[in-house]
Structures are given as C-alpha cells and as structure tokens.
Amino acid sequence: MRFLYLILLFLISGGIFADFEYRVLVRNEEDFAIKTNAINQDNFLGFKSGLSGNAKMLFEAKFKLENLKLKFSDLVLVPLVDGSLTTNSILEANISFNLYDFYLDAGKKRILKGKGFMVSPSDFLYNYLPDYNKGRENSLQFKNGFFLAGGGYYSDFGNFSFYYIPEISIDNDDVKRLITEGQKEIYTGFYSIGFDTFDLGITCIYREVFNFGAYGSLRISDNFVFYFDVGLTGKESNYILEKENYPYVGDIYNLKEKELKNTLQALVGLNVIMDNFGLMIEYFYNDRGLTIEEINIFKDEAKKIANDYNKNNPVSLLNLGNVANFVTKNSFPSFSRHYGMMRLYSIGIKNWEASSLCILSLSDLSGKLNNSVEYKLENINIGGSFFFSFGDDYSEFKLYGDMWGVSFYVEVCF
C-alpha cells in the first residue's frame, strides 16, 4: 500500500506544475435474481437466488508534463455479502513518452481494439465482458490491464504499435488481489487508419500460435453506420460431452477438452440514429460453437440425464455434474454458432438514458432481454434494470440459470 500512496502523492503534487486530471467514481449496486434451471435437481448446482451486490470506488488520475504522460487507476471492491473479502486492485499504472511521431509505453495498461458491442472477435485481449447495458468499453473501466512494454509510430499511412506482454506467475494471494493474478507471454502488433467516412484496424497477437483480426466501420450517412469485427484464432479449446459405456456401470458422459485450429469469429453490425433514439443490430458467427444438430443431440441427452437423476447414485451425480460443467465452460458466446443482438437506446433526452437490449441464440431461439433506465443529475447517476431469460427449459440461455432479476444502483462521480 505504501507504493500506492507514493504514486498518489506524486501525481497530486505534480498537478501544481503540469496538467493533472482525476476522477473518483463511487458506485453502490444491489441485485435481486432468481437462479435455477432444468438440470438443477435438489439445487445440485448450488445456485443462490436472492439479494447480492457490491460497492465500488474507482480512482483514476492522469498526469502530463510536456512529452511525458502517466496514468493510474485503482479499484476498491466491497462485496455486500457477509464474510466476503474487500479487495483493492491497481488496474492501471503506466508511463508514456512521446518524441515527434514516436511513442513508448511501459507499465500496467489496457489496450482496447475492435468495434463489436456484445463481443469483439478482433480483440484477443478483451473479447467479451458481460455488461448487458452499456457494452464492452464501459465494463473495461473496472478491468485489470496487462503489464507490458512497447510503443508505436504515427504516420501518414496510419498508426503502427507493438507491445510485449511478459509471462508473470504469482503465488501470493495479496499480490494477486493488488497487482496481478498473473499473465501469459504475448506478442502483439496493431495497425489502424481513419478517414472521414471509413476507418480500419488490424490486430495480430502471438500466444503459442498467431491470431489475426480486423475491424472497421463505414459511415453511410449521419444516421447510418455499418461496422464489422473479425478474428481468426490459430488454436483454441472447447469442451465436448463424450458418452462411453462401461460394463456393469452403464453410460457415463465424460467432459473432455477438444483442441480447435484456425477457427473464425465474425460480427457485422448496423447502428441507425434517429431523433431521440438509436437502434443497433448485430449478427455474430462463432465457428467454435455447436451446430443446430449438435444442440438438439445435447438437449436430448441432458433431458435423459436430468430425468434419470438419483442423488444416491454416483454415476448419476457424475453425469449431471458434467452436463452442468459443459454448459458453464461453453457459455455465451461459445455455446452456439449463430447469435443476434438488437439494442434500442435513447439519445439526447435531458437527464435520462434508457435502453432495451436483446441477445438471442439463433440456433435454438433462446435469449436474454435486459431493459434499463438511468437518471443523471449533475455528478449523480441513479439507475436500474430488469432482465429475464426466455426459451425452452433445455435451451442455451435457460440453462445458464439466470431466470429473471432486477438491479438498482447509485453512482457518484467527482
């Protein structure tokens, strides 16, 4: 913690001599949700319905002196559950130096790429974050960065940047909470260029194998923007349920990891802006997901396992547990091959912001609908949301266990 206080003292005292910006965000959120699903016999999965929540305090500071920039971000998380641990995490702490058209970065930093709202296949560092209301960018303010070193060059032909993320292994729990949980070695390269009506980005990372991505947008008019986001992964893993018959025992469904090579994820979207409302539509293709035929086979097997469940039978317990683990490990956006999203949101309504978002599995027509509203008064935001999942009992979003719920939050920003 002494290190934290020294950084804060340096940044604040530096404000006397240089450009200094800071932001303090305090957010208290309360949630009530009903959690269960068709395979949760006798609450086998230990779902906890009812009230939950947390309080967050986010501190961000930016310091600039001529060609030197420093950024610091720290998050204190207080779970509103008895016995839960209050944690403090340094999300970002980095330094950047500019010289002519070159720049160098070092420290703990977040790098955000891509265009997708619900997922971003070209962003291999932060592909998906489960904020159903405001998308990936808003969620990232509470997300840890990576320790890295690198830099880039601004040219007439676009922006080139390269970063090295070293492997870090941590055993100490206090260090994991405050600094990092560890990271794998990654080499990254990025390119982006923008024009009046069109922009394009290319991403490349090496993590055992090469992964390539591309994203961009085309402004057809002031009211219509088309965008795309594509990622090709050299190697990825997924999980399958494999049925094996054992003499005197019967059928056992084993959960096995399956290696996938050269898989494609692609997203296309359209954002339409009207007078006081906007409409965003996205289609996402996931090459790693189950086909419709495979989903139907899984549903039949899951029904059979659930109907035959006997808590006194070890084989029955094992099979039901492996079905539940299969759903968890292949959760959205990895379960199905085809997804759709539609989001209707308000624009320019004084003090108010509202949105209705629906994420749909086009493979089994299950989904999740989330409606939210927020009232803004100077530096205070008050909001709430309501969600529910729909589909048949053994469909994707119903098996995740979130049946319906409401949330309420108060947010103060200084």
Protein backbone atom coordinates (compact mmCIF):
# COMPACT_ATOMS: atom_id res chain seq x y z
CA MET A 1 0.00 0.00 0.00
CA ARG A 2 2.96 2.38 0.56
CA PHE A 3 3.67 2.13 -3.17
CA LEU A 4 0.08 3.21 -3.87
CA TYR A 5 0.32 6.24 -1.57
CA LEU A 6 3.64 7.33 -3.12
CA ILE A 7 2.10 7.27 -6.61
CA LEU A 8 -0.92 9.28 -5.46
CA LEU A 9 1.32 11.82 -3.71
CA PHE A 10 3.50 12.18 -6.79
CA LEU A 11 0.54 12.62 -9.13
CA ILE A 12 -1.29 15.12 -6.93
CA SER A 13 1.80 17.20 -6.20
CA GLY A 14 2.61 17.13 -9.91
CA GLY A 15 -0.67 18.89 -10.59
CA ILE A 16 0.92 22.11 -9.40
CA PHE A 17 3.46 22.03 -12.20
CA ALA A 18 1.72 20.15 -15.00
CA ASP A 19 -1.64 19.17 -16.48
CA PHE A 20 -3.43 16.95 -13.99
CA GLU A 21 -6.81 15.25 -14.26
CA TYR A 22 -8.50 12.89 -11.86
CA ARG A 23 -11.80 11.09 -11.47
CA VAL A 24 -13.34 9.38 -8.45
CA LEU A 25 -16.30 7.09 -9.09
CA VAL A 26 -18.30 5.60 -6.20
CA ARG A 27 -20.95 3.07 -7.18
CA ASN A 28 -23.30 1.04 -4.98
CA GLU A 29 -25.30 -1.72 -6.70
CA GLU A 30 -27.98 -4.06 -5.32
CA ASP A 31 -29.22 -7.07 -7.30
CA PHE A 32 -32.08 -9.50 -6.84
CA ALA A 33 -32.13 -12.55 -9.10
CA ILE A 34 -33.83 -15.92 -9.39
CA LYS A 35 -31.36 -18.61 -10.42
CA THR A 36 -32.25 -22.18 -11.40
CA ASN A 37 -32.51 -24.42 -14.45
CA ALA A 38 -33.92 -27.75 -15.61
CA ILE A 39 -30.87 -29.79 -14.59
CA ASN A 40 -30.61 -28.23 -11.11
CA GLN A 41 -32.22 -31.14 -9.22
CA ASP A 42 -32.32 -30.55 -5.43
CA ASN A 43 -30.27 -27.39 -6.11
CA PHE A 44 -27.46 -29.70 -7.19
CA LEU A 45 -25.57 -26.74 -8.66
CA GLY A 46 -25.79 -24.63 -5.51
CA PHE A 47 -27.48 -21.62 -7.16
CA LYS A 48 -28.09 -18.75 -4.76
CA SER A 49 -31.17 -16.72 -5.55
CA GLY A 50 -31.99 -13.50 -3.74
CA LEU A 51 -30.13 -10.32 -2.90
CA SER A 52 -26.49 -9.61 -3.72
CA GLY A 53 -24.45 -6.56 -4.58
CA ASN A 54 -21.28 -4.60 -4.09
CA ALA A 55 -19.83 -1.16 -3.57
CA LYS A 56 -17.03 0.08 -5.83
CA MET A 57 -14.69 3.05 -5.56
CA LEU A 58 -12.66 3.76 -8.68
CA PHE A 59 -9.87 6.34 -8.65
CA GLU A 60 -8.27 7.47 -11.93
CA ALA A 61 -5.53 10.06 -12.38
CA LYS A 62 -3.73 11.39 -15.45
CA PHE A 63 -0.57 13.48 -15.30
CA LYS A 64 1.02 15.23 -18.29
CA LEU A 65 4.29 17.15 -18.46
CA GLU A 66 5.46 18.12 -21.95
CA ASN A 67 6.17 14.77 -23.68
CA LEU A 68 5.58 12.64 -20.59
CA LYS A 69 2.26 11.09 -19.53
CA LEU A 70 1.39 8.98 -16.51
CA LYS A 71 -1.86 7.19 -15.78
CA PHE A 72 -3.01 5.49 -12.60
CA SER A 73 -6.25 3.62 -11.85
CA ASP A 74 -7.22 1.83 -8.63
CA LEU A 75 -10.37 -0.09 -7.69
CA VAL A 76 -11.66 -0.88 -4.20
CA LEU A 77 -14.41 -3.52 -4.23
CA VAL A 78 -16.60 -4.14 -1.18
CA PRO A 79 -18.99 -7.12 -1.64
CA LEU A 80 -22.25 -6.62 0.26
CA VAL A 81 -22.28 -10.23 1.46
CA ASP A 82 -21.34 -11.38 4.95
CA GLY A 83 -17.92 -12.99 5.08
CA SER A 84 -16.79 -11.70 1.67
CA LEU A 85 -13.40 -10.06 1.34
CA THR A 86 -12.89 -6.39 0.49
CA THR A 87 -10.28 -6.12 -2.25
CA ASN A 88 -8.06 -3.36 -3.60
CA SER A 89 -6.65 -3.69 -7.13
CA ILE A 90 -4.35 -1.45 -9.15
CA LEU A 91 -5.97 -1.63 -12.59
CA GLU A 92 -3.53 0.60 -14.47
CA ALA A 93 -0.18 2.24 -13.67
CA ASN A 94 1.77 3.22 -16.77
CA ILE A 95 4.05 5.82 -18.28
CA SER A 96 4.10 7.07 -21.86
CA PHE A 97 6.74 9.17 -23.60
CA ASN A 98 6.23 10.94 -26.94
CA LEU A 99 9.03 12.09 -29.23
CA TYR A 100 7.94 13.56 -32.54
CA ASP A 101 5.73 10.86 -34.12
CA PHE A 102 7.04 8.06 -31.90
CA TYR A 103 5.73 6.97 -28.50
CA LEU A 104 6.82 4.47 -25.85
CA ASP A 105 4.60 2.83 -23.21
CA ALA A 106 5.53 0.81 -20.14
CA GLY A 107 3.68 -0.44 -17.06
CA LYS A 108 0.22 -1.86 -16.49
CA LYS A 109 -2.13 -0.77 -19.27
CA ARG A 110 -5.41 -1.66 -21.00
CA ILE A 111 -5.44 -1.84 -24.79
CA LEU A 112 -8.92 -1.87 -26.36
CA LYS A 113 -9.49 -2.78 -30.00
CA GLY A 114 -12.45 -3.76 -32.13
CA LYS A 115 -15.93 -2.48 -32.93
CA GLY A 116 -18.42 -5.01 -31.59
CA PHE A 117 -20.85 -4.12 -28.81
CA MET A 118 -21.62 -7.57 -27.37
CA VAL A 119 -18.37 -9.24 -28.49
CA SER A 120 -15.26 -8.15 -30.38
CA PRO A 121 -13.55 -11.07 -32.19
CA SER A 122 -10.53 -8.97 -33.26
CA ASP A 123 -9.76 -8.00 -29.64
CA PHE A 124 -7.84 -11.05 -28.44
CA LEU A 125 -7.07 -9.46 -25.06
CA TYR A 126 -10.61 -8.35 -24.06
CA ASN A 127 -13.05 -10.20 -26.31
CA TYR A 128 -16.18 -10.24 -24.20
CA LEU A 129 -17.31 -8.56 -20.98
CA PRO A 130 -20.78 -9.32 -19.58
CA ASP A 131 -22.28 -5.84 -19.29
CA TYR A 132 -25.66 -6.16 -20.97
CA ASN A 133 -26.44 -2.45 -20.77
CA LYS A 134 -23.54 -0.30 -21.91
CA GLY A 135 -21.18 -2.65 -23.72
CA ARG A 136 -17.51 -3.54 -23.51
CA GLU A 137 -15.99 -0.08 -23.22
CA ASN A 138 -17.98 0.82 -20.10
CA SER A 139 -17.14 -2.53 -18.48
CA LEU A 140 -13.42 -2.09 -19.09
CA GLN A 141 -13.07 0.71 -16.57
CA PHE A 142 -13.29 -1.99 -13.86
CA LYS A 143 -10.98 -4.45 -15.68
CA ASN A 144 -7.29 -5.14 -14.98
CA GLY A 145 -4.71 -4.13 -17.54
CA PHE A 146 -1.64 -6.09 -18.62
CA PHE A 147 1.96 -5.47 -17.64
CA LEU A 148 3.64 -4.61 -20.93
CA ALA A 149 6.26 -2.58 -22.75
CA GLY A 150 6.18 -1.26 -26.29
CA GLY A 151 5.43 1.68 -28.46
CA GLY A 152 4.31 2.90 -31.82
CA TYR A 153 4.60 5.36 -34.67
CA TYR A 154 2.09 7.81 -36.15
CA SER A 155 2.48 8.16 -39.92
CA ASP A 156 0.52 9.47 -42.87
CA PHE A 157 -0.34 5.85 -43.58
CA GLY A 158 -1.81 5.08 -40.15
CA ASN A 159 -0.78 4.20 -36.62
CA PHE A 160 1.58 1.25 -36.01
CA SER A 161 2.14 -0.15 -32.50
CA PHE A 162 3.86 -3.18 -30.95
CA TYR A 163 3.78 -4.48 -27.36
CA TYR A 164 5.40 -7.26 -25.42
CA ILE A 165 3.45 -8.81 -22.51
CA PRO A 166 5.79 -10.93 -20.36
CA GLU A 167 4.77 -14.08 -18.52
CA ILE A 168 4.16 -13.49 -14.81
CA SER A 169 3.37 -16.21 -12.29
CA ILE A 170 2.15 -15.20 -8.83
CA ASP A 171 1.59 -17.43 -5.79
CA ASN A 172 0.95 -14.81 -3.11
CA ASP A 173 -2.80 -14.10 -2.69
CA ASP A 174 -2.27 -10.50 -1.54
CA VAL A 175 -0.16 -9.73 -4.61
CA LYS A 176 -2.78 -11.39 -6.83
CA ARG A 177 -5.51 -9.11 -5.48
CA LEU A 178 -3.47 -5.88 -5.53
CA ILE A 179 -1.17 -6.19 -8.53
CA THR A 180 -1.93 -9.10 -10.88
CA GLU A 181 -3.20 -12.67 -10.91
CA GLY A 182 -0.50 -13.47 -13.41
CA GLN A 183 -0.37 -13.40 -17.20
CA LYS A 184 0.90 -15.42 -20.14
CA GLU A 185 3.56 -14.28 -22.59
CA ILE A 186 2.04 -12.46 -25.57
CA TYR A 187 3.49 -10.53 -28.52
CA THR A 188 1.10 -8.01 -30.08
CA GLY A 189 1.01 -5.79 -33.14
CA PHE A 190 -1.66 -3.28 -34.14
CA TYR A 191 -2.40 -1.04 -37.12
CA SER A 192 -5.19 1.50 -37.59
CA ILE A 193 -6.09 4.24 -40.03
CA GLY A 194 -9.05 6.59 -40.25
CA PHE A 195 -10.71 8.67 -42.95
CA ASP A 196 -13.78 10.92 -42.97
CA THR A 197 -16.28 8.13 -43.58
CA PHE A 198 -14.22 4.97 -43.12
CA ASP A 199 -11.79 3.51 -40.60
CA LEU A 200 -9.89 0.23 -40.48
CA GLY A 201 -7.89 -1.65 -37.87
CA ILE A 202 -5.76 -4.80 -37.93
CA THR A 203 -4.71 -6.81 -34.88
CA CYS A 204 -2.16 -9.58 -34.54
CA ILE A 205 -1.04 -11.45 -31.44
CA TYR A 206 1.29 -14.37 -30.90
CA ARG A 207 0.42 -16.61 -27.95
CA GLU A 208 1.83 -20.05 -28.82
CA VAL A 209 0.27 -19.52 -32.28
CA PHE A 210 -0.63 -16.49 -34.38
CA ASN A 211 -4.10 -14.89 -34.19
CA PHE A 212 -5.23 -12.27 -36.71
CA GLY A 213 -8.13 -9.83 -36.60
CA ALA A 214 -9.62 -6.91 -38.49
CA TYR A 215 -12.29 -4.34 -37.70
CA GLY A 216 -13.70 -1.22 -39.29
CA SER A 217 -16.70 0.99 -39.89
CA LEU A 218 -18.31 2.79 -42.79
CA ARG A 219 -20.42 5.89 -42.22
CA ILE A 220 -23.04 5.69 -44.94
CA SER A 221 -24.66 8.93 -43.72
CA ASP A 222 -25.01 10.86 -40.48
CA ASN A 223 -27.72 8.40 -39.45
CA PHE A 224 -26.33 5.05 -40.67
CA VAL A 225 -23.07 3.39 -39.65
CA PHE A 226 -22.08 -0.10 -40.77
CA TYR A 227 -19.28 -1.92 -38.93
CA PHE A 228 -17.55 -5.29 -38.84
CA ASP A 229 -15.25 -7.20 -36.49
CA VAL A 230 -13.46 -10.44 -37.46
CA GLY A 231 -11.00 -12.71 -35.67
CA LEU A 232 -9.11 -15.81 -36.85
CA THR A 233 -7.69 -17.86 -33.98
CA GLY A 234 -4.82 -20.25 -34.67
CA LYS A 235 -5.56 -22.52 -31.71
CA GLU A 236 -8.40 -22.58 -29.22
CA SER A 237 -10.01 -25.14 -26.95
CA ASN A 238 -13.60 -26.13 -26.44
CA TYR A 239 -15.32 -28.84 -24.42
CA ILE A 240 -17.40 -31.80 -25.52
CA LEU A 241 -19.53 -34.42 -23.77
CA GLU A 242 -18.47 -37.88 -24.83
CA LYS A 243 -20.66 -40.86 -23.95
CA GLU A 244 -18.90 -44.10 -23.07
CA ASN A 245 -20.49 -47.36 -21.96
CA TYR A 246 -18.90 -49.30 -19.12
CA PRO A 247 -19.86 -52.91 -18.23
CA TYR A 248 -21.91 -53.20 -15.01
CA VAL A 249 -21.97 -49.37 -14.76
CA GLY A 250 -23.82 -48.05 -17.80
CA ASP A 251 -23.38 -44.87 -19.80
CA ILE A 252 -21.02 -42.23 -18.45
CA TYR A 253 -20.83 -38.79 -20.03
CA ASN A 254 -17.22 -37.58 -19.77
CA LEU A 255 -16.30 -33.92 -20.15
CA LYS A 256 -13.29 -33.64 -22.45
CA GLU A 257 -11.29 -30.71 -23.78
CA LYS A 258 -11.10 -30.51 -27.56
CA GLU A 259 -8.44 -28.56 -29.43
CA LEU A 260 -9.68 -26.44 -32.32
CA LYS A 261 -7.43 -24.97 -35.01
CA ASN A 262 -7.97 -21.98 -37.31
CA THR A 263 -11.41 -21.03 -36.01
CA LEU A 264 -13.30 -17.97 -37.23
CA GLN A 265 -15.44 -15.50 -35.32
CA ALA A 266 -17.12 -12.69 -37.25
CA LEU A 267 -19.50 -9.88 -36.34
CA VAL A 268 -21.35 -7.40 -38.55
CA GLY A 269 -23.48 -4.57 -37.23
CA LEU A 270 -25.56 -1.56 -38.15
CA ASN A 271 -26.17 1.49 -35.99
CA VAL A 272 -29.16 3.65 -37.02
CA ILE A 273 -29.59 7.03 -35.33
CA MET A 274 -32.97 8.75 -35.24
CA ASP A 275 -34.16 11.94 -33.48
CA ASN A 276 -34.08 10.78 -29.87
CA PHE A 277 -33.32 7.11 -30.27
CA GLY A 278 -30.73 4.81 -31.78
CA LEU A 279 -31.09 1.24 -33.00
CA MET A 280 -28.13 -1.13 -33.02
CA ILE A 281 -28.33 -4.55 -34.70
CA GLU A 282 -25.55 -7.17 -34.69
CA TYR A 283 -25.04 -10.67 -36.06
CA PHE A 284 -22.25 -12.82 -34.62
CA TYR A 285 -20.90 -16.03 -36.15
CA ASN A 286 -18.93 -18.35 -33.85
CA ASP A 287 -17.10 -21.17 -35.62
CA ARG A 288 -16.34 -22.84 -32.25
CA GLY A 289 -19.96 -23.30 -31.22
CA LEU A 290 -22.34 -26.23 -31.59
CA THR A 291 -24.33 -26.75 -34.76
CA ILE A 292 -28.13 -26.94 -34.55
CA GLU A 293 -27.91 -30.73 -34.89
CA GLU A 294 -25.36 -30.95 -32.06
CA ILE A 295 -27.51 -28.72 -29.86
CA ASN A 296 -30.53 -30.97 -30.39
CA ILE A 297 -28.46 -34.07 -29.50
CA PHE A 298 -27.19 -32.32 -26.36
CA LYS A 299 -30.74 -31.36 -25.34
CA ASP A 300 -31.96 -34.96 -25.67
CA GLU A 301 -29.03 -36.27 -23.62
CA ALA A 302 -29.41 -33.56 -20.97
CA LYS A 303 -33.12 -34.34 -20.59
CA LYS A 304 -32.39 -38.05 -20.19
CA ILE A 305 -29.70 -37.40 -17.57
CA ALA A 306 -31.93 -34.99 -15.64
CA ASN A 307 -34.95 -37.32 -15.73
CA ASP A 308 -32.84 -40.27 -14.52
CA TYR A 309 -31.14 -38.27 -11.78
CA ASN A 310 -30.67 -40.09 -8.48
CA LYS A 311 -28.66 -38.31 -5.82
CA ASN A 312 -27.76 -41.65 -4.25
CA ASN A 313 -26.22 -42.95 -7.48
CA PRO A 314 -22.58 -41.84 -8.06
CA VAL A 315 -22.87 -42.31 -11.85
CA SER A 316 -26.00 -40.14 -11.94
CA LEU A 317 -24.22 -37.44 -9.90
CA LEU A 318 -21.20 -37.57 -12.22
CA ASN A 319 -23.28 -37.30 -15.40
CA LEU A 320 -25.37 -34.39 -14.15
CA GLY A 321 -22.25 -32.59 -12.92
CA ASN A 322 -20.53 -32.99 -16.28
CA VAL A 323 -23.59 -31.64 -18.11
CA ALA A 324 -23.56 -28.59 -15.82
CA ASN A 325 -19.79 -28.10 -16.35
CA PHE A 326 -20.27 -28.40 -20.10
CA VAL A 327 -22.78 -25.53 -20.05
CA THR A 328 -20.53 -23.41 -17.81
CA LYS A 329 -17.35 -23.91 -19.86
CA ASN A 330 -19.13 -23.33 -23.19
CA SER A 331 -21.19 -20.35 -22.01
CA PHE A 332 -22.07 -17.36 -24.19
CA PRO A 333 -20.62 -16.55 -26.68
CA SER A 334 -19.14 -20.04 -27.15
CA PHE A 335 -22.19 -22.33 -26.95
CA SER A 336 -23.94 -21.69 -30.29
CA ARG A 337 -22.68 -20.81 -33.74
CA HIS A 338 -25.13 -18.02 -34.51
CA TYR A 339 -26.16 -15.07 -32.31
CA GLY A 340 -28.09 -11.89 -32.86
CA MET A 341 -28.40 -8.70 -30.85
CA MET A 342 -30.77 -5.75 -31.03
CA ARG A 343 -30.42 -2.68 -28.83
CA LEU A 344 -32.78 0.30 -28.74
CA TYR A 345 -31.36 3.24 -26.80
CA SER A 346 -32.20 6.88 -26.11
CA ILE A 347 -30.23 9.87 -27.41
CA GLY A 348 -30.29 13.46 -26.19
CA ILE A 349 -33.18 13.17 -23.72
CA LYS A 350 -32.35 15.60 -20.91
CA ASN A 351 -31.20 13.86 -17.70
CA TRP A 352 -32.47 10.48 -18.89
CA GLU A 353 -30.92 7.47 -20.60
CA ALA A 354 -32.83 4.29 -21.41
CA SER A 355 -32.09 1.14 -23.36
CA SER A 356 -33.61 -2.21 -24.22
CA LEU A 357 -31.20 -4.93 -25.28
CA CYS A 358 -31.94 -8.46 -26.51
CA ILE A 359 -29.26 -11.10 -27.11
CA LEU A 360 -30.58 -14.12 -29.00
CA SER A 361 -29.17 -17.53 -29.87
CA LEU A 362 -30.30 -18.01 -33.45
CA SER A 363 -29.57 -21.74 -33.11
CA ASP A 364 -32.22 -22.55 -30.50
CA LEU A 365 -34.13 -19.23 -30.26
CA SER A 366 -33.36 -18.66 -26.60
CA GLY A 367 -32.10 -15.36 -25.29
CA LYS A 368 -31.92 -12.69 -22.66
CA LEU A 369 -33.77 -9.35 -22.60
CA ASN A 370 -32.48 -6.51 -20.46
CA ASN A 371 -34.29 -3.17 -20.00
CA SER A 372 -32.51 -0.35 -18.18
CA VAL A 373 -33.09 3.28 -17.29
CA GLU A 374 -30.77 5.87 -15.77
CA TYR A 375 -31.40 9.37 -14.39
CA LYS A 376 -28.48 11.82 -14.38
CA LEU A 377 -28.32 14.81 -12.05
CA GLU A 378 -25.04 16.72 -12.19
CA ASN A 379 -22.47 14.22 -10.83
CA ILE A 380 -25.02 11.66 -9.55
CA ASN A 381 -26.46 8.81 -11.63
CA ILE A 382 -29.38 6.71 -10.40
CA GLY A 383 -30.46 3.71 -12.41
CA GLY A 384 -32.00 0.30 -12.52
CA SER A 385 -32.59 -2.61 -14.85
CA PHE A 386 -34.78 -5.66 -15.28
CA PHE A 387 -33.87 -8.83 -17.19
CA PHE A 388 -35.38 -12.18 -17.98
CA SER A 389 -34.29 -15.21 -20.00
CA PHE A 390 -36.56 -16.95 -22.50
CA GLY A 391 -36.59 -20.20 -24.44
CA ASP A 392 -37.45 -23.83 -23.68
CA ASP A 393 -36.15 -25.43 -20.48
CA TYR A 394 -33.09 -27.02 -22.11
CA SER A 395 -32.18 -24.11 -24.39
CA GLU A 396 -28.90 -22.22 -24.05
CA PHE A 397 -29.90 -19.13 -22.06
CA LYS A 398 -32.29 -21.04 -19.81
CA LEU A 399 -29.52 -23.50 -18.87
CA TYR A 400 -27.27 -20.63 -17.71
CA GLY A 401 -29.55 -20.36 -14.68
CA ASP A 402 -30.41 -16.63 -14.67
CA MET A 403 -34.20 -16.74 -14.89
CA TRP A 404 -35.01 -13.13 -14.09
CA GLY A 405 -33.77 -10.33 -11.91
CA VAL A 406 -33.73 -6.63 -11.09
CA SER A 407 -30.89 -4.32 -10.11
CA PHE A 408 -30.61 -0.82 -8.69
CA TYR A 409 -27.56 1.41 -8.42
CA VAL A 410 -26.44 4.84 -7.31
CA GLU A 411 -23.27 6.28 -8.81
CA VAL A 412 -21.42 9.44 -7.75
CA CYS A 413 -18.57 10.85 -9.82
CA PHE A 414 -16.19 13.61 -8.73
